[in-house]
Amino acid sequence: MSTSFPALAQPKVVGNQLVSRAGLTLYTFDNDVAGSGRSVCNPPCCHLFRPYAGEKGAHPTGEAGVINRDDGTRQWAWKGRPLYLWVDDKKPGQAGGDGINHNTWHVARP
């Protein structure tokens, strides 16, 4: 079953963290292998940490990149690490996903 997420813009650096186009905190997952080009956060994991979706035809710049997920969707990555949004973060500045699941989820840093 394919999990559909809206296409979103390239991540940006604000202060000492990465955020979405809407300013929401982005996260990395320790179980993802940097540079592998894949995410290991699939259902049910991605229902809580939603992949930060990459648009078709996106042209990443700098340290940003796009990977192809197992379900065929695209996801933004930073230095080869897939990026995610925490389901309970609703406003810029919130970072409720930091440290979740035995400290395997972290605020994404440049």
Protein backbone atom coordinates (compact mmCIF):
# COMPACT_ATOMS: atom_id res chain seq x y z
CA MET A 1 0.00 0.00 0.00
CA SER A 2 1.41 3.39 -0.99
CA THR A 3 1.45 6.12 1.65
CA SER A 4 0.72 9.48 0.05
CA PHE A 5 2.20 12.73 1.39
CA PRO A 6 1.92 16.22 -0.09
CA ALA A 7 4.85 17.53 -2.12
CA LEU A 8 6.83 20.12 -0.17
CA ALA A 9 9.71 22.51 -0.75
CA GLN A 10 13.42 21.98 -0.06
CA PRO A 11 14.37 22.08 3.63
CA LYS A 12 15.98 25.27 4.89
CA VAL A 13 18.38 26.14 7.69
CA VAL A 14 16.98 28.36 10.44
CA GLY A 15 19.37 28.96 13.31
CA ASN A 16 20.91 25.59 14.16
CA GLN A 17 18.22 23.34 12.73
CA LEU A 18 16.48 22.34 9.52
CA VAL A 19 12.86 23.27 8.95
CA SER A 20 10.14 22.73 6.38
CA ARG A 21 8.77 25.42 4.06
CA ALA A 22 6.16 26.11 6.77
CA GLY A 23 8.89 26.45 9.41
CA LEU A 24 8.16 23.11 11.11
CA THR A 25 11.04 21.22 12.70
CA LEU A 26 12.55 18.41 10.63
CA TYR A 27 13.98 15.21 12.13
CA THR A 28 16.46 12.45 11.37
CA PHE A 29 16.18 8.80 12.42
CA ASP A 30 19.23 6.94 13.77
CA ASN A 31 18.13 3.70 12.05
CA ASP A 32 18.44 5.32 8.59
CA VAL A 33 21.90 4.77 7.11
CA ALA A 34 23.28 8.08 5.81
CA GLY A 35 24.10 7.90 2.13
CA SER A 36 22.17 4.66 1.59
CA GLY A 37 19.52 6.50 -0.40
CA ARG A 38 16.68 4.87 1.50
CA SER A 39 14.44 5.34 4.50
CA VAL A 40 13.71 2.51 6.94
CA CYS A 41 10.75 4.40 8.45
CA ASN A 42 7.85 2.70 6.68
CA PRO A 43 4.32 1.99 8.00
CA PRO A 44 3.48 2.16 10.83
CA CYS A 45 6.54 4.34 11.65
CA CYS A 46 5.78 6.90 8.92
CA HIS A 47 2.33 7.55 10.37
CA LEU A 48 4.04 9.28 13.32
CA PHE A 49 7.16 10.60 11.58
CA ARG A 50 5.90 11.66 8.16
CA PRO A 51 8.50 11.71 5.38
CA TYR A 52 9.23 15.26 4.23
CA ALA A 53 8.05 14.70 0.66
CA GLY A 54 10.06 15.85 -2.34
CA GLU A 55 8.35 17.16 -5.44
CA LYS A 56 8.66 15.43 -8.76
CA GLY A 57 11.30 17.32 -10.72
CA ALA A 58 12.81 18.92 -7.59
CA HIS A 59 16.23 20.47 -8.08
CA PRO A 60 18.05 20.17 -4.74
CA THR A 61 20.82 22.61 -3.92
CA GLY A 62 23.65 22.52 -1.39
CA GLU A 63 23.46 19.65 1.11
CA ALA A 64 19.83 18.84 0.23
CA GLY A 65 18.91 15.82 -1.86
CA VAL A 66 15.92 13.65 -2.70
CA ILE A 67 15.66 9.88 -2.20
CA ASN A 68 13.12 7.40 -3.55
CA ARG A 69 11.12 5.60 -0.87
CA ASP A 70 10.15 1.92 -1.00
CA ASP A 71 6.56 2.90 -1.87
CA GLY A 72 7.69 4.95 -4.88
CA THR A 73 7.28 8.41 -3.31
CA ARG A 74 10.17 10.86 -2.98
CA GLN A 75 11.60 12.26 0.25
CA TRP A 76 13.98 15.12 1.03
CA ALA A 77 17.31 14.25 2.63
CA TRP A 78 20.14 16.32 4.10
CA LYS A 79 23.69 15.07 3.63
CA GLY A 80 22.13 11.77 2.60
CA ARG A 81 19.92 11.42 5.70
CA PRO A 82 16.14 11.25 5.10
CA LEU A 83 14.08 14.03 6.74
CA TYR A 84 10.77 13.70 8.58
CA LEU A 85 8.04 15.77 10.25
CA TRP A 86 6.66 14.76 13.70
CA VAL A 87 2.88 14.34 13.58
CA ASP A 88 2.28 16.37 16.78
CA ASP A 89 4.35 19.44 15.79
CA LYS A 90 1.75 21.96 14.60
CA LYS A 91 3.62 25.29 14.83
CA PRO A 92 7.11 26.54 14.01
CA GLY A 93 9.47 26.12 16.97
CA GLN A 94 7.86 22.95 18.31
CA ALA A 95 10.20 19.95 18.58
CA GLY A 96 8.09 17.28 20.28
CA GLY A 97 9.65 14.45 18.28
CA ASP A 98 13.18 15.04 19.59
CA GLY A 99 14.35 12.04 21.62
CA ILE A 100 11.34 9.82 20.81
CA ASN A 101 11.71 6.02 20.71
CA HIS A 102 14.70 5.58 23.03
CA ASN A 103 16.40 8.71 21.65
CA THR A 104 16.57 7.46 18.04
CA TRP A 105 14.82 10.57 16.60
CA HIS A 106 16.61 13.93 16.58
CA VAL A 107 16.06 17.47 15.40
CA ALA A 108 17.84 17.68 12.04
CA ARG A 109 20.94 19.88 12.18
CA PRO A 110 22.86 21.40 9.26
